[in-house]
Amino acid sequence: IIDEPFMGLDPRAIRDLLSLLDQERRRGAGVLMSTHAL
């Protein structure tokens, strides 16, 4: 459960976070994410 995860992150960190979340989802985890970044 992630609330506005992109605030304060540089573009590279955003890329790395999304890549890691993809790995976690492939493992079977679910992600609920609140974001303003439409």
PDB file of all heavy atoms in Angstrom:
ATOM      1  N   ILE A   1       0.870  -1.168   0.000  1.00  0.00           N
ATOM      2  CA  ILE A   1       0.000   0.000   0.000  1.00  0.00           C
ATOM      3  C   ILE A   1       0.908   1.219   0.000  1.00  0.00           C
ATOM      4  O   ILE A   1       1.622   1.475   0.970  1.00  0.00           O
ATOM      5  CB  ILE A   1      -0.930  -0.009   1.229  1.00  0.00           C
ATOM      6  CG1 ILE A   1      -1.806  -1.274   1.206  1.00  0.00           C
ATOM      7  CG2 ILE A   1      -1.802   1.242   1.248  1.00  0.00           C
ATOM      8  CD1 ILE A   1      -2.613  -1.485   2.460  1.00  0.00           C
ATOM      9  N   ILE A   2       0.895   1.947  -1.107  1.00  0.00           N
ATOM     10  CA  ILE A   2       1.892   2.992  -1.335  1.00  0.00           C
ATOM     11  C   ILE A   2       1.185   4.310  -1.611  1.00  0.00           C
ATOM     12  O   ILE A   2       0.364   4.412  -2.527  1.00  0.00           O
ATOM     13  CB  ILE A   2       2.810   2.619  -2.516  1.00  0.00           C
ATOM     14  CG1 ILE A   2       3.348   1.185  -2.357  1.00  0.00           C
ATOM     15  CG2 ILE A   2       3.959   3.602  -2.619  1.00  0.00           C
ATOM     16  CD1 ILE A   2       4.206   0.720  -3.517  1.00  0.00           C
ATOM     17  N   ASP A   3       1.518   5.319  -0.832  1.00  0.00           N
ATOM     18  CA  ASP A   3       0.876   6.630  -0.921  1.00  0.00           C
ATOM     19  C   ASP A   3       1.837   7.624  -1.573  1.00  0.00           C
ATOM     20  O   ASP A   3       2.875   7.962  -1.002  1.00  0.00           O
ATOM     21  CB  ASP A   3       0.480   7.107   0.482  1.00  0.00           C
ATOM     22  CG  ASP A   3      -0.535   8.238   0.447  1.00  0.00           C
ATOM     23  OD1 ASP A   3      -0.920   8.672  -0.655  1.00  0.00           O
ATOM     24  OD2 ASP A   3      -0.937   8.701   1.536  1.00  0.00           O
ATOM     25  N   GLU A   4       1.501   8.072  -2.775  1.00  0.00           N
ATOM     26  CA  GLU A   4       2.290   9.067  -3.522  1.00  0.00           C
ATOM     27  C   GLU A   4       3.779   8.713  -3.542  1.00  0.00           C
ATOM     28  O   GLU A   4       4.620   9.456  -3.042  1.00  0.00           O
ATOM     29  CB  GLU A   4       2.083  10.457  -2.910  1.00  0.00           C
ATOM     30  CG  GLU A   4       0.666  10.976  -2.986  1.00  0.00           C
ATOM     31  CD  GLU A   4       0.204  11.274  -4.414  1.00  0.00           C
ATOM     32  OE1 GLU A   4       1.052  11.298  -5.334  1.00  0.00           O
ATOM     33  OE2 GLU A   4      -1.001  11.464  -4.603  1.00  0.00           O
ATOM     34  N   PRO A   5       4.154   7.593  -4.144  1.00  0.00           N
ATOM     35  CA  PRO A   5       5.544   7.143  -4.062  1.00  0.00           C
ATOM     36  C   PRO A   5       6.533   7.959  -4.874  1.00  0.00           C
ATOM     37  O   PRO A   5       7.742   7.872  -4.639  1.00  0.00           O
ATOM     38  CB  PRO A   5       5.471   5.715  -4.619  1.00  0.00           C
ATOM     39  CG  PRO A   5       4.317   5.758  -5.564  1.00  0.00           C
ATOM     40  CD  PRO A   5       3.317   6.669  -4.916  1.00  0.00           C
ATOM     41  N   PHE A   6       6.054   8.753  -5.840  1.00  0.00           N
ATOM     42  CA  PHE A   6       6.983   9.440  -6.735  1.00  0.00           C
ATOM     43  C   PHE A   6       7.421  10.803  -6.216  1.00  0.00           C
ATOM     44  O   PHE A   6       8.301  11.430  -6.790  1.00  0.00           O
ATOM     45  CB  PHE A   6       6.344   9.596  -8.116  1.00  0.00           C
ATOM     46  CG  PHE A   6       5.821   8.299  -8.669  1.00  0.00           C
ATOM     47  CD1 PHE A   6       4.505   8.162  -9.062  1.00  0.00           C
ATOM     48  CD2 PHE A   6       6.649   7.196  -8.771  1.00  0.00           C
ATOM     49  CE1 PHE A   6       4.023   6.966  -9.566  1.00  0.00           C
ATOM     50  CE2 PHE A   6       6.183   5.986  -9.262  1.00  0.00           C
ATOM     51  CZ  PHE A   6       4.870   5.870  -9.657  1.00  0.00           C
ATOM     52  N   MET A   7       6.820  11.259  -5.125  1.00  0.00           N
ATOM     53  CA  MET A   7       7.185  12.551  -4.556  1.00  0.00           C
ATOM     54  C   MET A   7       8.620  12.500  -4.037  1.00  0.00           C
ATOM     55  O   MET A   7       8.982  11.655  -3.232  1.00  0.00           O
ATOM     56  CB  MET A   7       6.232  12.913  -3.412  1.00  0.00           C
ATOM     57  CG  MET A   7       4.780  13.003  -3.814  1.00  0.00           C
ATOM     58  SD  MET A   7       4.442  14.381  -4.923  1.00  0.00           S
ATOM     59  CE  MET A   7       4.646  15.756  -3.802  1.00  0.00           C
ATOM     60  N   GLY A   8       9.448  13.417  -4.509  1.00  0.00           N
ATOM     61  CA  GLY A   8      10.818  13.503  -4.021  1.00  0.00           C
ATOM     62  C   GLY A   8      11.795  12.559  -4.689  1.00  0.00           C
ATOM     63  O   GLY A   8      12.979  12.561  -4.352  1.00  0.00           O
ATOM     64  N   LEU A   9      11.320  11.735  -5.633  1.00  0.00           N
ATOM     65  CA  LEU A   9      12.208  10.788  -6.307  1.00  0.00           C
ATOM     66  C   LEU A   9      12.690  11.355  -7.638  1.00  0.00           C
ATOM     67  O   LEU A   9      11.922  11.975  -8.375  1.00  0.00           O
ATOM     68  CB  LEU A   9      11.491   9.460  -6.571  1.00  0.00           C
ATOM     69  CG  LEU A   9      11.100   8.609  -5.360  1.00  0.00           C
ATOM     70  CD1 LEU A   9      10.502   7.299  -5.843  1.00  0.00           C
ATOM     71  CD2 LEU A   9      12.282   8.351  -4.444  1.00  0.00           C
ATOM     72  N   ASP A  10      13.952  11.116  -7.942  1.00  0.00           N
ATOM     73  CA  ASP A  10      14.480  11.506  -9.242  1.00  0.00           C
ATOM     74  C   ASP A  10      14.025  10.488 -10.287  1.00  0.00           C
ATOM     75  O   ASP A  10      13.565   9.392  -9.951  1.00  0.00           O
ATOM     76  CB  ASP A  10      16.003  11.599  -9.191  1.00  0.00           C
ATOM     77  CG  ASP A  10      16.655  10.302  -8.760  1.00  0.00           C
ATOM     78  OD1 ASP A  10      16.640   9.343  -9.545  1.00  0.00           O
ATOM     79  OD2 ASP A  10      17.166  10.245  -7.622  1.00  0.00           O
ATOM     80  N   PRO A  11      14.124  10.828 -11.572  1.00  0.00           N
ATOM     81  CA  PRO A  11      13.625   9.927 -12.626  1.00  0.00           C
ATOM     82  C   PRO A  11      14.230   8.533 -12.577  1.00  0.00           C
ATOM     83  O   PRO A  11      13.533   7.544 -12.839  1.00  0.00           O
ATOM     84  CB  PRO A  11      14.008  10.660 -13.916  1.00  0.00           C
ATOM     85  CG  PRO A  11      14.027  12.105 -13.534  1.00  0.00           C
ATOM     86  CD  PRO A  11      14.548  12.132 -12.131  1.00  0.00           C
ATOM     87  N   ARG A  12      15.513   8.423 -12.247  1.00  0.00           N
ATOM     88  CA  ARG A  12      16.136   7.108 -12.194  1.00  0.00           C
ATOM     89  C   ARG A  12      15.548   6.271 -11.065  1.00  0.00           C
ATOM     90  O   ARG A  12      15.297   5.072 -11.229  1.00  0.00           O
ATOM     91  CB  ARG A  12      17.646   7.253 -12.014  1.00  0.00           C
ATOM     92  CG  ARG A  12      18.394   5.928 -12.046  1.00  0.00           C
ATOM     93  CD  ARG A  12      19.889   6.153 -11.987  1.00  0.00           C
ATOM     94  NE  ARG A  12      20.616   4.901 -11.936  1.00  0.00           N
ATOM     95  CZ  ARG A  12      21.936   4.812 -11.835  1.00  0.00           C
ATOM     96  NH1 ARG A  12      22.670   5.909 -11.795  1.00  0.00           N
ATOM     97  NH2 ARG A  12      22.526   3.640 -11.787  1.00  0.00           N
ATOM     98  N   ALA A  13      15.289   6.911  -9.910  1.00  0.00           N
ATOM     99  CA  ALA A  13      14.705   6.185  -8.784  1.00  0.00           C
ATOM    100  C   ALA A  13      13.282   5.746  -9.099  1.00  0.00           C
ATOM    101  O   ALA A  13      12.852   4.655  -8.695  1.00  0.00           O
ATOM    102  CB  ALA A  13      14.728   7.059  -7.530  1.00  0.00           C
ATOM    103  N   ILE A  14      12.533   6.579  -9.827  1.00  0.00           N
ATOM    104  CA  ILE A  14      11.182   6.194 -10.247  1.00  0.00           C
ATOM    105  C   ILE A  14      11.241   4.966 -11.152  1.00  0.00           C
ATOM    106  O   ILE A  14      10.477   4.012 -10.989  1.00  0.00           O
ATOM    107  CB  ILE A  14      10.480   7.363 -10.963  1.00  0.00           C
ATOM    108  CG1 ILE A  14      10.202   8.499  -9.968  1.00  0.00           C
ATOM    109  CG2 ILE A  14       9.179   6.900 -11.617  1.00  0.00           C
ATOM    110  CD1 ILE A  14       9.661   9.763 -10.608  1.00  0.00           C
ATOM    111  N   ARG A  15      12.175   4.981 -12.098  1.00  0.00           N
ATOM    112  CA  ARG A  15      12.341   3.832 -12.984  1.00  0.00           C
ATOM    113  C   ARG A  15      12.673   2.570 -12.194  1.00  0.00           C
ATOM    114  O   ARG A  15      12.109   1.492 -12.436  1.00  0.00           O
ATOM    115  CB  ARG A  15      13.452   4.124 -13.985  1.00  0.00           C
ATOM    116  CG  ARG A  15      13.721   3.002 -14.991  1.00  0.00           C
ATOM    117  CD  ARG A  15      15.106   3.118 -15.582  1.00  0.00           C
ATOM    118  NE  ARG A  15      16.132   2.905 -14.562  1.00  0.00           N
ATOM    119  CZ  ARG A  15      17.435   3.082 -14.774  1.00  0.00           C
ATOM    120  NH1 ARG A  15      17.868   3.504 -15.944  1.00  0.00           N
ATOM    121  NH2 ARG A  15      18.311   2.858 -13.804  1.00  0.00           N
ATOM    122  N   ASP A  16      13.594   2.697 -11.233  1.00  0.00           N
ATOM    123  CA  ASP A  16      14.005   1.536 -10.444  1.00  0.00           C
ATOM    124  C   ASP A  16      12.851   1.019  -9.587  1.00  0.00           C
ATOM    125  O   ASP A  16      12.666  -0.195  -9.440  1.00  0.00           O
ATOM    126  CB  ASP A  16      15.194   1.896  -9.548  1.00  0.00           C
ATOM    127  CG  ASP A  16      16.454   2.186 -10.357  1.00  0.00           C
ATOM    128  OD1 ASP A  16      16.536   1.733 -11.510  1.00  0.00           O
ATOM    129  OD2 ASP A  16      17.359   2.875  -9.824  1.00  0.00           O
ATOM    130  N   LEU A  17      12.061   1.940  -9.020  1.00  0.00           N
ATOM    131  CA  LEU A  17      10.908   1.531  -8.219  1.00  0.00           C
ATOM    132  C   LEU A  17       9.901   0.761  -9.072  1.00  0.00           C
ATOM    133  O   LEU A  17       9.415  -0.307  -8.661  1.00  0.00           O
ATOM    134  CB  LEU A  17      10.244   2.754  -7.588  1.00  0.00           C
ATOM    135  CG  LEU A  17       8.890   2.507  -6.914  1.00  0.00           C
ATOM    136  CD1 LEU A  17       9.027   1.509  -5.770  1.00  0.00           C
ATOM    137  CD2 LEU A  17       8.285   3.811  -6.416  1.00  0.00           C
ATOM    138  N   LEU A  18       9.586   1.282 -10.234  1.00  0.00           N
ATOM    139  CA  LEU A  18       8.606   0.616 -11.093  1.00  0.00           C
ATOM    140  C   LEU A  18       9.105  -0.753 -11.539  1.00  0.00           C
ATOM    141  O   LEU A  18       8.328  -1.711 -11.612  1.00  0.00           O
ATOM    142  CB  LEU A  18       8.293   1.498 -12.303  1.00  0.00           C
ATOM    143  CG  LEU A  18       7.579   2.814 -11.996  1.00  0.00           C
ATOM    144  CD1 LEU A  18       7.366   3.608 -13.268  1.00  0.00           C
ATOM    145  CD2 LEU A  18       6.254   2.566 -11.290  1.00  0.00           C
ATOM    146  N   SER A  19      10.399  -0.852 -11.822  1.00  0.00           N
ATOM    147  CA  SER A  19      10.969  -2.140 -12.194  1.00  0.00           C
ATOM    148  C   SER A  19      10.856  -3.148 -11.056  1.00  0.00           C
ATOM    149  O   SER A  19      10.493  -4.314 -11.271  1.00  0.00           O
ATOM    150  CB  SER A  19      12.436  -1.963 -12.594  1.00  0.00           C
ATOM    151  OG  SER A  19      13.042  -3.207 -12.866  1.00  0.00           O
ATOM    152  N   LEU A  20      11.132  -2.687  -9.841  1.00  0.00           N
ATOM    153  CA  LEU A  20      11.053  -3.576  -8.684  1.00  0.00           C
ATOM    154  C   LEU A  20       9.616  -3.985  -8.396  1.00  0.00           C
ATOM    155  O   LEU A  20       9.343  -5.151  -8.060  1.00  0.00           O
ATOM    156  CB  LEU A  20      11.670  -2.890  -7.462  1.00  0.00           C
ATOM    157  CG  LEU A  20      11.905  -3.756  -6.233  1.00  0.00           C
ATOM    158  CD1 LEU A  20      12.783  -4.958  -6.572  1.00  0.00           C
ATOM    159  CD2 LEU A  20      12.573  -2.948  -5.134  1.00  0.00           C
ATOM    160  N   LEU A  21       8.675  -3.058  -8.544  1.00  0.00           N
ATOM    161  CA  LEU A  21       7.269  -3.406  -8.344  1.00  0.00           C
ATOM    162  C   LEU A  21       6.803  -4.418  -9.386  1.00  0.00           C
ATOM    163  O   LEU A  21       5.990  -5.295  -9.080  1.00  0.00           O
ATOM    164  CB  LEU A  21       6.396  -2.149  -8.391  1.00  0.00           C
ATOM    165  CG  LEU A  21       6.518  -1.205  -7.193  1.00  0.00           C
ATOM    166  CD1 LEU A  21       5.627   0.023  -7.398  1.00  0.00           C
ATOM    167  CD2 LEU A  21       6.164  -1.906  -5.889  1.00  0.00           C
ATOM    168  N   ASP A  22       7.315  -4.303 -10.602  1.00  0.00           N
ATOM    169  CA  ASP A  22       6.992  -5.306 -11.621  1.00  0.00           C
ATOM    170  C   ASP A  22       7.459  -6.691 -11.171  1.00  0.00           C
ATOM    171  O   ASP A  22       6.746  -7.687 -11.335  1.00  0.00           O
ATOM    172  CB  ASP A  22       7.653  -4.943 -12.951  1.00  0.00           C
ATOM    173  CG  ASP A  22       6.868  -3.904 -13.729  1.00  0.00           C
ATOM    174  OD1 ASP A  22       5.679  -3.702 -13.407  1.00  0.00           O
ATOM    175  OD2 ASP A  22       7.442  -3.286 -14.646  1.00  0.00           O
ATOM    176  N   GLN A  23       8.663  -6.760 -10.603  1.00  0.00           N
ATOM    177  CA  GLN A  23       9.168  -8.038 -10.104  1.00  0.00           C
ATOM    178  C   GLN A  23       8.289  -8.587  -8.991  1.00  0.00           C
ATOM    179  O   GLN A  23       7.974  -9.789  -8.952  1.00  0.00           O
ATOM    180  CB  GLN A  23      10.593  -7.862  -9.586  1.00  0.00           C
ATOM    181  CG  GLN A  23      11.627  -7.534 -10.633  1.00  0.00           C
ATOM    182  CD  GLN A  23      13.007  -7.357 -10.034  1.00  0.00           C
ATOM    183  OE1 GLN A  23      13.379  -8.039  -9.078  1.00  0.00           O
ATOM    184  NE2 GLN A  23      13.769  -6.418 -10.566  1.00  0.00           N
ATOM    185  N   GLU A  24       7.879  -7.709  -8.073  1.00  0.00           N
ATOM    186  CA  GLU A  24       7.036  -8.133  -6.956  1.00  0.00           C
ATOM    187  C   GLU A  24       5.676  -8.616  -7.448  1.00  0.00           C
ATOM    188  O   GLU A  24       5.120  -9.587  -6.932  1.00  0.00           O
ATOM    189  CB  GLU A  24       6.872  -6.987  -5.955  1.00  0.00           C
ATOM    190  CG  GLU A  24       8.141  -6.640  -5.191  1.00  0.00           C
ATOM    191  CD  GLU A  24       8.594  -7.810  -4.340  1.00  0.00           C
ATOM    192  OE1 GLU A  24       7.983  -8.059  -3.288  1.00  0.00           O
ATOM    193  OE2 GLU A  24       9.557  -8.494  -4.739  1.00  0.00           O
ATOM    194  N   ARG A  25       5.146  -7.970  -8.465  1.00  0.00           N
ATOM    195  CA  ARG A  25       3.858  -8.381  -9.013  1.00  0.00           C
ATOM    196  C   ARG A  25       3.968  -9.733  -9.708  1.00  0.00           C
ATOM    197  O   ARG A  25       3.061 -10.554  -9.611  1.00  0.00           O
ATOM    198  CB  ARG A  25       3.338  -7.312  -9.960  1.00  0.00           C
ATOM    199  CG  ARG A  25       2.950  -6.011  -9.252  1.00  0.00           C
ATOM    200  CD  ARG A  25       2.742  -4.897 -10.231  1.00  0.00           C
ATOM    201  NE  ARG A  25       1.672  -5.200 -11.158  1.00  0.00           N
ATOM    202  CZ  ARG A  25       1.539  -4.622 -12.355  1.00  0.00           C
ATOM    203  NH1 ARG A  25       2.431  -3.745 -12.770  1.00  0.00           N
ATOM    204  NH2 ARG A  25       0.513  -4.924 -13.123  1.00  0.00           N
ATOM    205  N   ARG A  26       5.075  -9.950 -10.398  1.00  0.00           N
ATOM    206  CA  ARG A  26       5.266 -11.255 -11.029  1.00  0.00           C
ATOM    207  C   ARG A  26       5.372 -12.361  -9.979  1.00  0.00           C
ATOM    208  O   ARG A  26       4.993 -13.510 -10.240  1.00  0.00           O
ATOM    209  CB  ARG A  26       6.521 -11.236 -11.909  1.00  0.00           C
ATOM    210  CG  ARG A  26       6.347 -10.437 -13.197  1.00  0.00           C
ATOM    211  CD  ARG A  26       7.453 -10.722 -14.184  1.00  0.00           C
ATOM    212  NE  ARG A  26       8.750 -10.261 -13.715  1.00  0.00           N
ATOM    213  CZ  ARG A  26       9.233  -9.042 -13.927  1.00  0.00           C
ATOM    214  NH1 ARG A  26       8.519  -8.158 -14.606  1.00  0.00           N
ATOM    215  NH2 ARG A  26      10.425  -8.715 -13.492  1.00  0.00           N
ATOM    216  N   ARG A  27       5.857 -11.987  -8.809  1.00  0.00           N
ATOM    217  CA  ARG A  27       5.915 -12.936  -7.692  1.00  0.00           C
ATOM    218  C   ARG A  27       4.529 -13.223  -7.142  1.00  0.00           C
ATOM    219  O   ARG A  27       4.308 -14.244  -6.469  1.00  0.00           O
ATOM    220  CB  ARG A  27       6.835 -12.367  -6.599  1.00  0.00           C
ATOM    221  CG  ARG A  27       7.024 -13.257  -5.391  1.00  0.00           C
ATOM    222  CD  ARG A  27       7.989 -12.628  -4.391  1.00  0.00           C
ATOM    223  NE  ARG A  27       7.548 -11.330  -3.916  1.00  0.00           N
ATOM    224  CZ  ARG A  27       6.639 -11.151  -2.963  1.00  0.00           C
ATOM    225  NH1 ARG A  27       6.033 -12.183  -2.398  1.00  0.00           N
ATOM    226  NH2 ARG A  27       6.303  -9.928  -2.584  1.00  0.00           N
ATOM    227  N   GLY A  28       3.562 -12.338  -7.407  1.00  0.00           N
ATOM    228  CA  GLY A  28       2.199 -12.529  -6.942  1.00  0.00           C
ATOM    229  C   GLY A  28       1.697 -11.472  -5.994  1.00  0.00           C
ATOM    230  O   GLY A  28       0.560 -11.540  -5.522  1.00  0.00           O
ATOM    231  N   ALA A  29       2.528 -10.471  -5.689  1.00  0.00           N
ATOM    232  CA  ALA A  29       2.101  -9.397  -4.786  1.00  0.00           C
ATOM    233  C   ALA A  29       1.121  -8.473  -5.497  1.00  0.00           C
ATOM    234  O   ALA A  29       1.188  -8.274  -6.713  1.00  0.00           O
ATOM    235  CB  ALA A  29       3.307  -8.598  -4.300  1.00  0.00           C
ATOM    236  N   GLY A  30       0.205  -7.892  -4.725  1.00  0.00           N
ATOM    237  CA  GLY A  30      -0.691  -6.866  -5.232  1.00  0.00           C
ATOM    238  C   GLY A  30      -0.255  -5.509  -4.736  1.00  0.00           C
ATOM    239  O   GLY A  30       0.298  -5.387  -3.641  1.00  0.00           O
ATOM    240  N   VAL A  31      -0.488  -4.469  -5.534  1.00  0.00           N
ATOM    241  CA  VAL A  31      -0.063  -3.113  -5.191  1.00  0.00           C
ATOM    242  C   VAL A  31      -1.253  -2.168  -5.288  1.00  0.00           C
ATOM    243  O   VAL A  31      -1.897  -2.079  -6.344  1.00  0.00           O
ATOM    244  CB  VAL A  31       1.055  -2.614  -6.117  1.00  0.00           C
ATOM    245  CG1 VAL A  31       1.496  -1.208  -5.715  1.00  0.00           C
ATOM    246  CG2 VAL A  31       2.250  -3.567  -6.111  1.00  0.00           C
ATOM    247  N   LEU A  32      -1.551  -1.472  -4.193  1.00  0.00           N
ATOM    248  CA  LEU A  32      -2.515  -0.377  -4.190  1.00  0.00           C
ATOM    249  C   LEU A  32      -1.710   0.909  -4.084  1.00  0.00           C
ATOM    250  O   LEU A  32      -1.007   1.123  -3.097  1.00  0.00           O
ATOM    251  CB  LEU A  32      -3.486  -0.500  -3.012  1.00  0.00           C
ATOM    252  CG  LEU A  32      -4.451   0.676  -2.823  1.00  0.00           C
ATOM    253  CD1 LEU A  32      -5.397   0.811  -4.011  1.00  0.00           C
ATOM    254  CD2 LEU A  32      -5.243   0.528  -1.521  1.00  0.00           C
ATOM    255  N   MET A  33      -1.803   1.747  -5.094  1.00  0.00           N
ATOM    256  CA  MET A  33      -0.963   2.940  -5.164  1.00  0.00           C
ATOM    257  C   MET A  33      -1.798   4.191  -5.357  1.00  0.00           C
ATOM    258  O   MET A  33      -2.558   4.303  -6.315  1.00  0.00           O
ATOM    259  CB  MET A  33       0.043   2.809  -6.323  1.00  0.00           C
ATOM    260  CG  MET A  33       0.927   4.022  -6.515  1.00  0.00           C
ATOM    261  SD  MET A  33       1.967   3.891  -8.007  1.00  0.00           S
ATOM    262  CE  MET A  33       3.054   2.550  -7.530  1.00  0.00           C
ATOM    263  N   SER A  34      -1.657   5.130  -4.441  1.00  0.00           N
ATOM    264  CA  SER A  34      -2.254   6.448  -4.590  1.00  0.00           C
ATOM    265  C   SER A  34      -1.241   7.360  -5.274  1.00  0.00           C
ATOM    266  O   SER A  34      -0.077   7.399  -4.885  1.00  0.00           O
ATOM    267  CB  SER A  34      -2.621   7.013  -3.215  1.00  0.00           C
ATOM    268  OG  SER A  34      -2.892   8.401  -3.289  1.00  0.00           O
ATOM    269  N   THR A  35      -1.682   8.070  -6.312  1.00  0.00           N
ATOM    270  CA  THR A  35      -0.742   8.946  -7.010  1.00  0.00           C
ATOM    271  C   THR A  35      -1.460  10.095  -7.707  1.00  0.00           C
ATOM    272  O   THR A  35      -2.602   9.966  -8.148  1.00  0.00           O
ATOM    273  CB  THR A  35       0.089   8.152  -8.036  1.00  0.00           C
ATOM    274  OG1 THR A  35       0.988   9.043  -8.696  1.00  0.00           O
ATOM    275  CG2 THR A  35      -0.795   7.476  -9.070  1.00  0.00           C
ATOM    276  N   HIS A  36      -0.745  11.232  -7.798  1.00  0.00           N
ATOM    277  CA  HIS A  36      -1.202  12.359  -8.603  1.00  0.00           C
ATOM    278  C   HIS A  36      -0.627  12.303 -10.014  1.00  0.00           C
ATOM    279  O   HIS A  36      -1.028  13.083 -10.872  1.00  0.00           O
ATOM    280  CB  HIS A  36      -0.756  13.688  -7.965  1.00  0.00           C
ATOM    281  CG  HIS A  36      -1.534  14.059  -6.747  1.00  0.00           C
ATOM    282  ND1 HIS A  36      -0.960  14.201  -5.506  1.00  0.00           N
ATOM    283  CD2 HIS A  36      -2.850  14.314  -6.569  1.00  0.00           C
ATOM    284  CE1 HIS A  36      -1.887  14.534  -4.626  1.00  0.00           C
ATOM    285  NE2 HIS A  36      -3.034  14.604  -5.239  1.00  0.00           N
ATOM    286  N   ALA A  37       0.327  11.411 -10.223  1.00  0.00           N
ATOM    287  CA  ALA A  37       1.004  11.332 -11.521  1.00  0.00           C
ATOM    288  C   ALA A  37       0.136  10.552 -12.506  1.00  0.00           C
ATOM    289  O   ALA A  37       0.333   9.360 -12.734  1.00  0.00           O
ATOM    290  CB  ALA A  37       2.370  10.688 -11.348  1.00  0.00           C
ATOM    291  N   LEU A  38      -0.840  11.230 -13.094  1.00  0.00           N
ATOM    292  CA  LEU A  38      -1.819  10.545 -13.930  1.00  0.00           C
ATOM    293  C   LEU A  38      -1.198   9.959 -15.192  1.00  0.00           C
ATOM    294  O   LEU A  38      -1.654   8.913 -15.679  1.00  0.00           O
ATOM    295  CB  LEU A  38      -2.960  11.502 -14.300  1.00  0.00           C
ATOM    296  CG  LEU A  38      -3.799  12.063 -13.146  1.00  0.00           C
ATOM    297  CD1 LEU A  38      -5.024  12.767 -13.696  1.00  0.00           C
ATOM    298  CD2 LEU A  38      -4.199  10.977 -12.167  1.00  0.00           C
TER     299      LEU A  38
END
